[in-house]
């Protein structure tokens, strides 16, 4: 286990020419939750499996919610700024050819979206599984051509339409959004489509990076 800027993380170092992947788990999870997911979608990429810095339930989280589980925007702002510092630090330390791809699930997807809005230059794209908007009432900054994959579940525990709100915000900000609503609940492991769609998206993104 490594430590940098307040975060514990595991590092699997591979091809430095391929964009690395930074994995952000869900509430009550930990850094080992979906390492296999990254190995499937980006087997040649360096992988940073990050542990949320806050103890939560039986695991960890990246930001605290309110008691009713609604978003605590102050906590989310603090957490996303802290994560931006971490992303900047690993980029400087490891010298990537391209900024990393963020891959977040649930709580990790929400904070990943917040990070993209705060400092888009720290990442090359984002894969967001079972997300909701980090701030439904605030327009996103200009994210022209920024690539985002959003995978929602049709049988989600979230409010119907939460994912669509996020999709619309990204599209208004001119991001390059790929959106799929899958026949799944909140858990990403329930369908192989999460993996296959993420793998296809990552491969296409990598081809674009190689052409730049």
N, C-alpha and C. Protein backbone atom coordinates (compact mmCIF):
# COMPACT_ATOMS: atom_id res chain seq x y z
N UNK A 1 0.85 -1.19 0.00
CA UNK A 1 0.00 0.00 0.00
C UNK A 1 0.88 1.25 0.00
N UNK A 2 0.61 2.17 -0.91
CA UNK A 2 1.35 3.43 -1.01
C UNK A 2 0.50 4.56 -0.44
N UNK A 3 1.15 5.68 -0.16
CA UNK A 3 0.44 6.82 0.41
C UNK A 3 0.97 8.10 -0.21
N UNK A 4 0.03 8.98 -0.60
CA UNK A 4 0.42 10.26 -1.19
C UNK A 4 -0.72 11.25 -1.01
N UNK A 5 -0.42 12.43 -0.51
CA UNK A 5 -1.39 13.52 -0.37
C UNK A 5 -2.69 13.10 0.31
N UNK A 6 -2.55 12.30 1.37
CA UNK A 6 -3.72 11.92 2.16
C UNK A 6 -4.48 10.71 1.66
N UNK A 7 -4.01 10.06 0.61
CA UNK A 7 -4.70 8.90 0.05
C UNK A 7 -3.80 7.67 0.09
N UNK A 8 -4.38 6.54 0.50
CA UNK A 8 -3.74 5.24 0.35
C UNK A 8 -4.17 4.66 -1.00
N UNK A 9 -3.24 3.98 -1.67
CA UNK A 9 -3.58 3.40 -2.97
C UNK A 9 -2.64 2.26 -3.30
N UNK A 10 -3.15 1.34 -4.12
CA UNK A 10 -2.34 0.29 -4.71
C UNK A 10 -1.99 0.69 -6.13
N UNK A 11 -0.80 0.35 -6.56
CA UNK A 11 -0.32 0.71 -7.90
C UNK A 11 0.11 -0.54 -8.65
N UNK A 12 -0.47 -0.73 -9.82
CA UNK A 12 -0.04 -1.79 -10.73
C UNK A 12 0.57 -1.11 -11.95
N UNK A 13 1.88 -1.09 -12.02
CA UNK A 13 2.58 -0.36 -13.08
C UNK A 13 2.69 -1.22 -14.34
N UNK A 14 2.29 -0.62 -15.48
CA UNK A 14 2.37 -1.33 -16.75
C UNK A 14 2.90 -0.38 -17.83
N UNK A 15 2.27 -0.36 -19.00
CA UNK A 15 2.74 0.40 -20.15
C UNK A 15 2.56 1.90 -19.92
N UNK A 16 3.65 2.65 -19.90
CA UNK A 16 3.56 4.09 -19.65
C UNK A 16 3.03 4.87 -20.85
N UNK A 17 2.93 4.21 -22.02
CA UNK A 17 2.42 4.90 -23.21
C UNK A 17 0.90 4.89 -23.28
N UNK A 18 0.27 4.08 -22.45
CA UNK A 18 -1.19 3.99 -22.41
C UNK A 18 -1.68 4.82 -21.23
N UNK A 19 -2.78 5.57 -21.40
CA UNK A 19 -3.27 6.36 -20.27
C UNK A 19 -3.53 5.48 -19.05
N UNK A 20 -3.06 5.87 -17.88
CA UNK A 20 -3.36 5.11 -16.67
C UNK A 20 -4.83 5.24 -16.29
N UNK A 21 -5.27 4.37 -15.40
CA UNK A 21 -6.63 4.40 -14.90
C UNK A 21 -6.60 4.63 -13.39
N UNK A 22 -7.40 5.57 -12.92
CA UNK A 22 -7.54 5.82 -11.49
C UNK A 22 -8.92 5.34 -11.07
N UNK A 23 -8.98 4.36 -10.18
CA UNK A 23 -10.22 3.72 -9.76
C UNK A 23 -10.72 4.30 -8.44
N UNK A 24 -12.00 4.67 -8.42
CA UNK A 24 -12.63 5.26 -7.24
C UNK A 24 -13.84 4.42 -6.87
N UNK A 25 -13.80 3.76 -5.72
CA UNK A 25 -14.84 2.82 -5.31
C UNK A 25 -16.08 3.54 -4.78
N UNK A 26 -17.10 2.77 -4.44
CA UNK A 26 -18.34 3.33 -3.91
C UNK A 26 -18.33 3.45 -2.40
N UNK A 27 -19.41 4.00 -1.83
CA UNK A 27 -19.53 4.18 -0.37
C UNK A 27 -19.41 2.85 0.36
N UNK A 28 -18.58 2.84 1.40
CA UNK A 28 -18.39 1.63 2.18
C UNK A 28 -17.51 0.61 1.49
N UNK A 29 -16.90 0.98 0.39
CA UNK A 29 -16.04 0.07 -0.35
C UNK A 29 -14.58 0.27 0.02
N UNK A 30 -13.73 -0.32 -0.82
CA UNK A 30 -12.29 -0.18 -0.62
C UNK A 30 -11.58 -0.34 -1.96
N UNK A 31 -10.28 -0.12 -1.94
CA UNK A 31 -9.52 -0.04 -3.19
C UNK A 31 -9.47 -1.35 -3.96
N UNK A 32 -9.74 -2.47 -3.32
CA UNK A 32 -9.67 -3.77 -3.99
C UNK A 32 -10.97 -4.16 -4.67
N UNK A 33 -12.01 -3.34 -4.56
CA UNK A 33 -13.35 -3.74 -5.00
C UNK A 33 -13.44 -4.05 -6.49
N UNK A 34 -12.73 -3.26 -7.30
CA UNK A 34 -12.91 -3.52 -8.75
C UNK A 34 -11.61 -3.38 -9.55
N UNK A 35 -10.54 -3.90 -8.94
CA UNK A 35 -9.27 -3.98 -9.66
C UNK A 35 -9.41 -4.86 -10.89
N UNK A 36 -10.17 -5.95 -10.77
CA UNK A 36 -10.37 -6.84 -11.93
C UNK A 36 -11.06 -6.11 -13.07
N UNK A 37 -11.93 -5.16 -12.74
CA UNK A 37 -12.62 -4.38 -13.75
C UNK A 37 -11.61 -3.61 -14.60
N UNK A 38 -10.65 -2.96 -13.96
CA UNK A 38 -9.63 -2.20 -14.69
C UNK A 38 -8.76 -3.12 -15.53
N UNK A 39 -8.43 -4.28 -15.00
CA UNK A 39 -7.59 -5.21 -15.75
C UNK A 39 -8.32 -5.71 -16.99
N UNK A 40 -9.64 -5.76 -16.92
CA UNK A 40 -10.42 -6.20 -18.09
C UNK A 40 -10.54 -5.10 -19.14
N UNK A 41 -10.86 -3.88 -18.71
CA UNK A 41 -11.12 -2.83 -19.69
C UNK A 41 -9.84 -2.20 -20.23
N UNK A 42 -8.76 -2.24 -19.46
CA UNK A 42 -7.51 -1.59 -19.87
C UNK A 42 -6.33 -2.42 -19.39
N UNK A 43 -6.13 -3.61 -19.95
CA UNK A 43 -5.11 -4.53 -19.43
C UNK A 43 -3.68 -4.03 -19.57
N UNK A 44 -3.44 -3.05 -20.43
CA UNK A 44 -2.09 -2.54 -20.62
C UNK A 44 -1.81 -1.28 -19.80
N UNK A 45 -2.79 -0.80 -19.09
CA UNK A 45 -2.66 0.47 -18.38
C UNK A 45 -2.14 0.30 -16.96
N UNK A 46 -1.37 1.28 -16.53
CA UNK A 46 -1.05 1.40 -15.12
C UNK A 46 -2.35 1.70 -14.37
N UNK A 47 -2.53 1.06 -13.23
CA UNK A 47 -3.79 1.19 -12.49
C UNK A 47 -3.52 1.70 -11.07
N UNK A 48 -4.20 2.77 -10.71
CA UNK A 48 -4.16 3.30 -9.35
C UNK A 48 -5.50 2.96 -8.69
N UNK A 49 -5.48 2.04 -7.73
CA UNK A 49 -6.68 1.68 -6.99
C UNK A 49 -6.67 2.49 -5.69
N UNK A 50 -7.52 3.50 -5.61
CA UNK A 50 -7.46 4.48 -4.54
C UNK A 50 -8.49 4.16 -3.45
N UNK A 51 -8.06 4.28 -2.21
CA UNK A 51 -8.96 4.09 -1.07
C UNK A 51 -9.50 5.45 -0.62
N UNK A 52 -10.81 5.55 -0.44
CA UNK A 52 -11.37 6.78 0.10
C UNK A 52 -10.77 7.10 1.46
N UNK A 53 -10.54 8.37 1.77
CA UNK A 53 -9.84 8.72 3.01
C UNK A 53 -10.71 8.72 4.27
N UNK A 54 -12.02 8.47 4.11
CA UNK A 54 -12.95 8.57 5.23
C UNK A 54 -13.52 7.20 5.54
N UNK A 55 -13.37 6.75 6.81
CA UNK A 55 -13.97 5.48 7.23
C UNK A 55 -15.49 5.60 7.17
N UNK A 56 -16.14 4.56 6.55
CA UNK A 56 -17.59 4.65 6.34
C UNK A 56 -18.16 3.25 6.31
N UNK A 57 -19.15 2.99 7.17
CA UNK A 57 -19.78 1.68 7.25
C UNK A 57 -18.69 0.61 7.44
N UNK A 58 -18.62 -0.36 6.57
CA UNK A 58 -17.61 -1.41 6.71
C UNK A 58 -16.35 -1.13 5.88
N UNK A 59 -16.30 0.03 5.28
CA UNK A 59 -15.15 0.35 4.43
C UNK A 59 -14.80 1.82 4.48
N UNK A 60 -14.80 2.45 3.29
CA UNK A 60 -14.35 3.83 3.18
C UNK A 60 -15.20 4.58 2.17
N UNK A 61 -15.06 5.89 2.17
CA UNK A 61 -15.77 6.72 1.20
C UNK A 61 -14.91 7.94 0.86
N UNK A 62 -15.25 8.61 -0.23
CA UNK A 62 -14.49 9.78 -0.66
C UNK A 62 -15.07 11.09 -0.13
N UNK A 63 -16.36 11.05 0.27
CA UNK A 63 -16.96 12.21 0.91
C UNK A 63 -18.17 11.75 1.72
N UNK A 64 -18.46 12.48 2.78
CA UNK A 64 -19.61 12.14 3.63
C UNK A 64 -20.90 12.70 3.04
N UNK A 65 -21.96 11.95 3.19
CA UNK A 65 -23.29 12.42 2.82
C UNK A 65 -24.01 12.98 4.05
N UNK A 66 -25.15 13.60 3.81
CA UNK A 66 -26.03 13.99 4.91
C UNK A 66 -26.67 12.75 5.52
N UNK A 67 -27.25 12.85 6.73
CA UNK A 67 -27.86 11.68 7.37
C UNK A 67 -28.94 11.00 6.52
N UNK A 68 -29.64 11.77 5.68
CA UNK A 68 -30.67 11.18 4.82
C UNK A 68 -30.10 10.66 3.50
N UNK A 69 -28.77 10.65 3.39
CA UNK A 69 -28.01 10.17 2.22
C UNK A 69 -28.07 11.13 1.04
N UNK A 70 -28.65 12.31 1.21
CA UNK A 70 -28.55 13.32 0.17
C UNK A 70 -27.12 13.85 0.14
N UNK A 71 -26.75 14.50 -0.96
CA UNK A 71 -25.38 14.97 -1.11
C UNK A 71 -25.10 16.14 -0.17
N UNK A 72 -23.96 16.08 0.47
CA UNK A 72 -23.45 17.18 1.27
C UNK A 72 -22.47 17.94 0.38
N UNK A 73 -22.92 19.08 -0.15
CA UNK A 73 -22.12 19.76 -1.17
C UNK A 73 -20.81 20.31 -0.62
N UNK A 74 -20.80 20.72 0.65
CA UNK A 74 -19.55 21.19 1.25
C UNK A 74 -18.54 20.06 1.35
N UNK A 75 -19.00 18.89 1.80
CA UNK A 75 -18.12 17.72 1.89
C UNK A 75 -17.62 17.29 0.51
N UNK A 76 -18.51 17.34 -0.47
CA UNK A 76 -18.13 16.96 -1.83
C UNK A 76 -17.10 17.92 -2.40
N UNK A 77 -17.26 19.22 -2.15
CA UNK A 77 -16.29 20.20 -2.63
C UNK A 77 -14.92 19.97 -2.00
N UNK A 78 -14.91 19.71 -0.69
CA UNK A 78 -13.64 19.44 -0.01
C UNK A 78 -12.99 18.17 -0.54
N UNK A 79 -13.80 17.13 -0.71
CA UNK A 79 -13.27 15.86 -1.20
C UNK A 79 -12.75 15.94 -2.62
N UNK A 80 -13.45 16.67 -3.48
CA UNK A 80 -13.00 16.77 -4.88
C UNK A 80 -11.73 17.60 -4.99
N UNK A 81 -11.60 18.64 -4.17
CA UNK A 81 -10.36 19.42 -4.18
C UNK A 81 -9.18 18.57 -3.69
N UNK A 82 -9.42 17.78 -2.67
CA UNK A 82 -8.38 16.89 -2.14
C UNK A 82 -7.96 15.87 -3.20
N UNK A 83 -8.93 15.36 -3.95
CA UNK A 83 -8.61 14.39 -4.99
C UNK A 83 -7.87 15.04 -6.15
N UNK A 84 -8.18 16.28 -6.46
CA UNK A 84 -7.44 17.01 -7.50
C UNK A 84 -5.97 17.13 -7.11
N UNK A 85 -5.71 17.44 -5.86
CA UNK A 85 -4.32 17.53 -5.38
C UNK A 85 -3.61 16.20 -5.56
N UNK A 86 -4.31 15.12 -5.25
CA UNK A 86 -3.74 13.78 -5.41
C UNK A 86 -3.43 13.48 -6.88
N UNK A 87 -4.36 13.79 -7.77
CA UNK A 87 -4.15 13.53 -9.19
C UNK A 87 -2.96 14.32 -9.73
N UNK A 88 -2.86 15.56 -9.31
CA UNK A 88 -1.72 16.38 -9.72
C UNK A 88 -0.41 15.77 -9.21
N UNK A 89 -0.44 15.28 -7.98
CA UNK A 89 0.77 14.72 -7.38
C UNK A 89 1.22 13.43 -8.09
N UNK A 90 0.28 12.54 -8.41
CA UNK A 90 0.71 11.29 -9.07
C UNK A 90 1.17 11.57 -10.49
N UNK A 91 0.58 12.55 -11.16
CA UNK A 91 1.03 12.88 -12.50
C UNK A 91 2.46 13.39 -12.48
N UNK A 92 2.78 14.22 -11.51
CA UNK A 92 4.14 14.76 -11.40
C UNK A 92 5.12 13.68 -10.99
N UNK A 93 4.70 12.80 -10.09
CA UNK A 93 5.63 11.77 -9.61
C UNK A 93 5.90 10.70 -10.66
N UNK A 94 4.87 10.29 -11.41
CA UNK A 94 5.02 9.14 -12.30
C UNK A 94 5.19 9.53 -13.77
N UNK A 95 5.01 10.79 -14.11
CA UNK A 95 5.30 11.27 -15.45
C UNK A 95 4.53 10.57 -16.57
N UNK A 96 3.21 10.63 -16.52
CA UNK A 96 2.39 9.97 -17.53
C UNK A 96 2.55 10.63 -18.90
N UNK A 97 2.40 9.81 -19.95
CA UNK A 97 2.37 10.35 -21.31
C UNK A 97 1.09 11.14 -21.54
N UNK A 98 -0.02 10.69 -20.93
CA UNK A 98 -1.29 11.40 -20.96
C UNK A 98 -1.87 11.39 -19.56
N UNK A 99 -2.71 12.36 -19.22
CA UNK A 99 -3.38 12.33 -17.93
C UNK A 99 -4.24 11.07 -17.79
N UNK A 100 -4.51 10.64 -16.58
CA UNK A 100 -5.24 9.39 -16.38
C UNK A 100 -6.72 9.47 -16.75
N UNK A 101 -7.30 8.31 -16.94
CA UNK A 101 -8.74 8.15 -17.07
C UNK A 101 -9.30 7.87 -15.68
N UNK A 102 -10.31 8.62 -15.27
CA UNK A 102 -10.99 8.34 -14.01
C UNK A 102 -12.07 7.29 -14.23
N UNK A 103 -12.13 6.31 -13.35
CA UNK A 103 -13.21 5.33 -13.39
C UNK A 103 -13.82 5.28 -12.00
N UNK A 104 -15.08 5.72 -11.87
CA UNK A 104 -15.71 5.79 -10.57
C UNK A 104 -17.03 5.05 -10.54
N UNK A 105 -17.30 4.43 -9.40
CA UNK A 105 -18.56 3.73 -9.19
C UNK A 105 -19.32 4.38 -8.04
N UNK A 106 -20.59 4.78 -8.25
CA UNK A 106 -21.46 5.31 -7.23
C UNK A 106 -20.84 6.53 -6.56
N UNK A 107 -20.48 6.45 -5.28
CA UNK A 107 -19.83 7.57 -4.60
C UNK A 107 -18.58 8.01 -5.36
N UNK A 108 -17.83 7.05 -5.86
CA UNK A 108 -16.63 7.38 -6.64
C UNK A 108 -16.95 8.05 -7.96
N UNK A 109 -18.10 7.69 -8.57
CA UNK A 109 -18.51 8.33 -9.82
C UNK A 109 -18.95 9.77 -9.59
N UNK A 110 -19.61 10.02 -8.47
CA UNK A 110 -20.06 11.39 -8.16
C UNK A 110 -18.87 12.30 -7.96
N UNK A 111 -17.89 11.84 -7.18
CA UNK A 111 -16.73 12.70 -6.94
C UNK A 111 -15.86 12.80 -8.20
N UNK A 112 -15.86 11.78 -9.03
CA UNK A 112 -15.13 11.87 -10.30
C UNK A 112 -15.71 12.98 -11.18
N UNK A 113 -17.05 13.05 -11.25
CA UNK A 113 -17.69 14.11 -12.03
C UNK A 113 -17.36 15.49 -11.45
N UNK A 114 -17.31 15.58 -10.12
CA UNK A 114 -16.96 16.84 -9.48
C UNK A 114 -15.52 17.24 -9.80
N UNK A 115 -14.62 16.27 -9.84
CA UNK A 115 -13.22 16.54 -10.18
C UNK A 115 -13.10 17.02 -11.62
N UNK A 116 -13.83 16.39 -12.53
CA UNK A 116 -13.79 16.81 -13.93
C UNK A 116 -14.23 18.27 -14.05
N UNK A 117 -15.26 18.64 -13.34
CA UNK A 117 -15.75 20.03 -13.39
C UNK A 117 -14.75 21.00 -12.76
N UNK A 118 -14.04 20.54 -11.76
CA UNK A 118 -13.11 21.42 -11.04
C UNK A 118 -11.81 21.61 -11.82
N UNK A 119 -11.22 20.50 -12.30
CA UNK A 119 -9.93 20.57 -12.99
C UNK A 119 -9.89 19.53 -14.11
N UNK A 120 -10.53 19.82 -15.22
CA UNK A 120 -10.59 18.84 -16.31
C UNK A 120 -9.22 18.47 -16.85
N UNK A 121 -8.25 19.37 -16.72
CA UNK A 121 -6.92 19.12 -17.30
C UNK A 121 -6.16 18.02 -16.57
N UNK A 122 -6.62 17.61 -15.40
CA UNK A 122 -5.93 16.57 -14.65
C UNK A 122 -6.27 15.17 -15.16
N UNK A 123 -7.27 15.05 -16.04
CA UNK A 123 -7.68 13.73 -16.53
C UNK A 123 -7.94 13.78 -18.03
N UNK A 124 -7.90 12.61 -18.66
CA UNK A 124 -8.16 12.50 -20.10
C UNK A 124 -9.57 12.07 -20.42
N UNK A 125 -10.32 11.65 -19.42
CA UNK A 125 -11.68 11.17 -19.63
C UNK A 125 -12.20 10.53 -18.36
N UNK A 126 -13.48 10.14 -18.36
CA UNK A 126 -14.09 9.58 -17.17
C UNK A 126 -15.09 8.50 -17.53
N UNK A 127 -15.04 7.40 -16.77
CA UNK A 127 -16.03 6.32 -16.84
C UNK A 127 -16.82 6.37 -15.55
N UNK A 128 -18.12 6.63 -15.64
CA UNK A 128 -18.95 6.84 -14.46
C UNK A 128 -20.05 5.78 -14.41
N UNK A 129 -19.96 4.89 -13.43
CA UNK A 129 -20.93 3.82 -13.25
C UNK A 129 -21.89 4.16 -12.11
N UNK A 130 -23.19 4.11 -12.40
CA UNK A 130 -24.26 4.37 -11.43
C UNK A 130 -24.07 5.74 -10.76
N UNK A 131 -23.90 6.79 -11.56
CA UNK A 131 -23.62 8.10 -10.98
C UNK A 131 -24.89 8.92 -10.73
N UNK A 132 -24.71 10.05 -10.10
CA UNK A 132 -25.69 11.12 -10.10
C UNK A 132 -24.91 12.43 -10.16
N UNK A 133 -25.59 13.51 -10.46
CA UNK A 133 -24.89 14.78 -10.61
C UNK A 133 -24.30 15.24 -9.28
N UNK A 134 -23.08 15.80 -9.30
CA UNK A 134 -22.51 16.37 -8.08
C UNK A 134 -23.18 17.67 -7.67
N UNK A 135 -23.94 18.28 -8.59
CA UNK A 135 -24.67 19.52 -8.27
C UNK A 135 -25.69 19.79 -9.37
N UNK A 136 -26.90 19.27 -9.23
CA UNK A 136 -27.90 19.39 -10.30
C UNK A 136 -28.30 20.82 -10.64
N UNK A 137 -28.12 21.76 -9.72
CA UNK A 137 -28.58 23.13 -9.94
C UNK A 137 -27.53 24.04 -10.57
N UNK A 138 -26.30 23.57 -10.70
CA UNK A 138 -25.21 24.43 -11.18
C UNK A 138 -24.73 23.96 -12.54
N UNK A 139 -24.72 24.85 -13.55
CA UNK A 139 -24.19 24.46 -14.86
C UNK A 139 -22.72 24.06 -14.78
N UNK A 140 -22.34 23.09 -15.57
CA UNK A 140 -20.94 22.67 -15.63
C UNK A 140 -20.14 23.69 -16.44
N UNK A 141 -18.83 23.78 -16.18
CA UNK A 141 -17.98 24.65 -17.00
C UNK A 141 -17.83 24.07 -18.41
N UNK A 142 -17.21 24.81 -19.27
CA UNK A 142 -16.99 24.35 -20.64
C UNK A 142 -16.13 23.09 -20.63
N UNK A 143 -16.68 21.98 -21.13
CA UNK A 143 -15.96 20.71 -21.20
C UNK A 143 -15.92 20.21 -22.64
N UNK A 144 -15.76 21.13 -23.55
CA UNK A 144 -15.80 20.79 -24.98
C UNK A 144 -14.84 19.65 -25.30
N UNK A 145 -15.40 18.60 -25.93
CA UNK A 145 -14.66 17.42 -26.40
C UNK A 145 -14.18 16.50 -25.27
N UNK A 146 -14.49 16.82 -24.03
CA UNK A 146 -14.04 15.94 -22.94
C UNK A 146 -14.85 14.65 -22.98
N UNK A 147 -14.20 13.48 -23.04
CA UNK A 147 -14.93 12.21 -23.22
C UNK A 147 -15.42 11.62 -21.90
N UNK A 148 -16.69 11.28 -21.86
CA UNK A 148 -17.31 10.71 -20.67
C UNK A 148 -18.19 9.53 -21.07
N UNK A 149 -18.04 8.43 -20.34
CA UNK A 149 -18.93 7.28 -20.48
C UNK A 149 -19.77 7.18 -19.21
N UNK A 150 -21.09 7.17 -19.36
CA UNK A 150 -22.01 7.07 -18.22
C UNK A 150 -22.84 5.80 -18.38
N UNK A 151 -22.79 4.93 -17.37
CA UNK A 151 -23.53 3.68 -17.38
C UNK A 151 -24.46 3.65 -16.18
N UNK A 152 -25.74 3.81 -16.45
CA UNK A 152 -26.76 3.82 -15.40
C UNK A 152 -27.51 2.49 -15.39
N UNK A 153 -28.20 2.20 -14.30
CA UNK A 153 -29.02 1.01 -14.20
C UNK A 153 -30.50 1.37 -14.30
N UNK A 154 -31.24 0.64 -15.11
CA UNK A 154 -32.67 0.92 -15.27
C UNK A 154 -33.44 0.62 -13.98
N UNK A 155 -32.89 -0.26 -13.14
CA UNK A 155 -33.56 -0.64 -11.90
C UNK A 155 -32.81 -0.09 -10.68
N UNK A 156 -32.32 1.13 -10.84
CA UNK A 156 -31.51 1.81 -9.83
C UNK A 156 -32.26 2.05 -8.54
N UNK A 157 -31.51 2.19 -7.45
CA UNK A 157 -32.09 2.65 -6.19
C UNK A 157 -32.20 4.16 -6.17
N UNK A 158 -31.53 4.83 -7.11
CA UNK A 158 -31.60 6.29 -7.18
C UNK A 158 -32.95 6.72 -7.76
N UNK A 159 -33.23 8.02 -7.69
CA UNK A 159 -34.43 8.55 -8.29
C UNK A 159 -34.37 8.38 -9.80
N UNK A 160 -35.49 8.07 -10.40
CA UNK A 160 -35.56 7.92 -11.84
C UNK A 160 -35.15 9.24 -12.49
N UNK A 161 -34.23 9.18 -13.40
CA UNK A 161 -33.80 10.38 -14.11
C UNK A 161 -32.56 11.03 -13.55
N UNK A 162 -32.01 10.53 -12.42
CA UNK A 162 -30.79 11.13 -11.86
C UNK A 162 -29.64 11.11 -12.86
N UNK A 163 -29.46 9.98 -13.51
CA UNK A 163 -28.35 9.87 -14.47
C UNK A 163 -28.58 10.79 -15.67
N UNK A 164 -29.84 10.92 -16.10
CA UNK A 164 -30.13 11.77 -17.25
C UNK A 164 -29.81 13.24 -16.95
N UNK A 165 -30.02 13.67 -15.71
CA UNK A 165 -29.65 15.02 -15.32
C UNK A 165 -28.16 15.25 -15.56
N UNK A 166 -27.35 14.29 -15.13
CA UNK A 166 -25.90 14.39 -15.31
C UNK A 166 -25.53 14.37 -16.79
N UNK A 167 -26.16 13.50 -17.55
CA UNK A 167 -25.91 13.44 -19.00
C UNK A 167 -26.19 14.80 -19.64
N UNK A 168 -27.33 15.38 -19.29
CA UNK A 168 -27.71 16.67 -19.86
C UNK A 168 -26.71 17.77 -19.48
N UNK A 169 -26.25 17.76 -18.24
CA UNK A 169 -25.28 18.77 -17.82
C UNK A 169 -23.98 18.64 -18.62
N UNK A 170 -23.51 17.43 -18.81
CA UNK A 170 -22.29 17.22 -19.59
C UNK A 170 -22.50 17.65 -21.04
N UNK A 171 -23.65 17.33 -21.60
CA UNK A 171 -23.89 17.67 -23.01
C UNK A 171 -24.02 19.17 -23.21
N UNK A 172 -24.68 19.87 -22.30
CA UNK A 172 -24.76 21.33 -22.37
C UNK A 172 -23.36 21.94 -22.29
N UNK A 173 -22.48 21.30 -21.51
CA UNK A 173 -21.10 21.78 -21.38
C UNK A 173 -20.24 21.36 -22.57
N UNK A 174 -20.84 20.69 -23.57
CA UNK A 174 -20.20 20.29 -24.82
C UNK A 174 -19.21 19.14 -24.66
N UNK A 175 -19.38 18.35 -23.60
CA UNK A 175 -18.56 17.16 -23.46
C UNK A 175 -18.98 16.11 -24.49
N UNK A 176 -18.09 15.18 -24.76
CA UNK A 176 -18.35 14.07 -25.68
C UNK A 176 -18.90 12.91 -24.84
N UNK A 177 -20.23 12.80 -24.74
CA UNK A 177 -20.87 11.89 -23.81
C UNK A 177 -21.38 10.63 -24.51
N UNK A 178 -21.02 9.48 -23.96
CA UNK A 178 -21.62 8.21 -24.33
C UNK A 178 -22.46 7.74 -23.15
N UNK A 179 -23.74 7.47 -23.39
CA UNK A 179 -24.65 7.15 -22.28
C UNK A 179 -25.40 5.87 -22.58
N UNK A 180 -25.45 4.98 -21.59
CA UNK A 180 -26.20 3.73 -21.72
C UNK A 180 -26.96 3.48 -20.42
N UNK A 181 -28.26 3.17 -20.56
CA UNK A 181 -29.04 2.71 -19.43
C UNK A 181 -29.18 1.20 -19.57
N UNK A 182 -28.61 0.47 -18.62
CA UNK A 182 -28.54 -0.98 -18.70
C UNK A 182 -29.66 -1.63 -17.90
N UNK A 183 -30.00 -2.84 -18.26
CA UNK A 183 -30.99 -3.61 -17.51
C UNK A 183 -30.30 -4.17 -16.27
N UNK A 184 -30.07 -3.29 -15.30
CA UNK A 184 -29.31 -3.65 -14.11
C UNK A 184 -29.77 -2.81 -12.94
N UNK A 185 -29.41 -3.24 -11.74
CA UNK A 185 -29.68 -2.45 -10.54
C UNK A 185 -28.45 -1.60 -10.24
N UNK A 186 -28.22 -1.30 -8.96
CA UNK A 186 -27.14 -0.38 -8.63
C UNK A 186 -25.76 -1.03 -8.77
N UNK A 187 -25.68 -2.32 -8.50
CA UNK A 187 -24.38 -2.99 -8.56
C UNK A 187 -23.87 -3.12 -9.98
N UNK A 188 -22.61 -2.74 -10.20
CA UNK A 188 -22.06 -2.81 -11.55
C UNK A 188 -21.72 -4.23 -11.98
N UNK A 189 -21.48 -5.12 -11.01
CA UNK A 189 -21.04 -6.47 -11.36
C UNK A 189 -22.18 -7.33 -11.88
N UNK A 190 -23.40 -6.81 -11.90
CA UNK A 190 -24.55 -7.62 -12.28
C UNK A 190 -24.69 -7.82 -13.79
N UNK A 191 -23.94 -7.09 -14.56
CA UNK A 191 -24.04 -7.23 -16.01
C UNK A 191 -22.67 -7.14 -16.66
N UNK A 192 -22.44 -8.03 -17.63
CA UNK A 192 -21.19 -7.97 -18.37
C UNK A 192 -21.11 -6.77 -19.28
N UNK A 193 -22.24 -6.10 -19.50
CA UNK A 193 -22.23 -4.92 -20.36
C UNK A 193 -21.40 -3.79 -19.78
N UNK A 194 -21.35 -3.67 -18.45
CA UNK A 194 -20.51 -2.64 -17.85
C UNK A 194 -19.07 -2.80 -18.31
N UNK A 195 -18.59 -4.00 -18.29
CA UNK A 195 -17.21 -4.26 -18.70
C UNK A 195 -17.01 -4.09 -20.19
N UNK A 196 -17.91 -4.68 -20.98
CA UNK A 196 -17.71 -4.65 -22.43
C UNK A 196 -17.83 -3.23 -22.98
N UNK A 197 -18.81 -2.47 -22.49
CA UNK A 197 -18.97 -1.10 -22.97
C UNK A 197 -17.81 -0.22 -22.53
N UNK A 198 -17.34 -0.42 -21.31
CA UNK A 198 -16.20 0.36 -20.82
C UNK A 198 -14.94 0.02 -21.61
N UNK A 199 -14.76 -1.25 -21.92
CA UNK A 199 -13.58 -1.67 -22.70
C UNK A 199 -13.60 -1.07 -24.09
N UNK A 200 -14.76 -1.10 -24.74
CA UNK A 200 -14.89 -0.50 -26.08
C UNK A 200 -14.62 1.00 -26.03
N UNK A 201 -15.19 1.67 -25.04
CA UNK A 201 -15.00 3.11 -24.91
C UNK A 201 -13.54 3.45 -24.68
N UNK A 202 -12.87 2.70 -23.78
CA UNK A 202 -11.46 2.97 -23.48
C UNK A 202 -10.59 2.75 -24.72
N UNK A 203 -10.86 1.68 -25.45
CA UNK A 203 -10.07 1.39 -26.64
C UNK A 203 -10.20 2.51 -27.67
N UNK A 204 -11.41 3.02 -27.86
CA UNK A 204 -11.62 4.12 -28.79
C UNK A 204 -10.92 5.38 -28.30
N UNK A 205 -10.98 5.64 -27.01
CA UNK A 205 -10.32 6.82 -26.46
C UNK A 205 -8.81 6.72 -26.64
N UNK A 206 -8.26 5.54 -26.45
CA UNK A 206 -6.83 5.36 -26.60
C UNK A 206 -6.40 5.59 -28.05
N UNK A 207 -7.22 5.14 -29.00
CA UNK A 207 -6.90 5.38 -30.41
C UNK A 207 -6.87 6.88 -30.71
N UNK A 208 -7.80 7.62 -30.13
CA UNK A 208 -7.83 9.07 -30.32
C UNK A 208 -6.57 9.72 -29.74
N UNK A 209 -6.16 9.26 -28.56
CA UNK A 209 -4.96 9.82 -27.94
C UNK A 209 -3.73 9.55 -28.79
N UNK A 210 -3.64 8.36 -29.38
CA UNK A 210 -2.50 8.03 -30.21
C UNK A 210 -2.45 8.86 -31.47
N UNK A 211 -3.64 9.35 -31.95
CA UNK A 211 -3.68 10.16 -33.16
C UNK A 211 -3.36 11.62 -32.91
N UNK A 212 -3.41 12.04 -31.63
CA UNK A 212 -3.16 13.45 -31.32
C UNK A 212 -1.69 13.79 -31.55
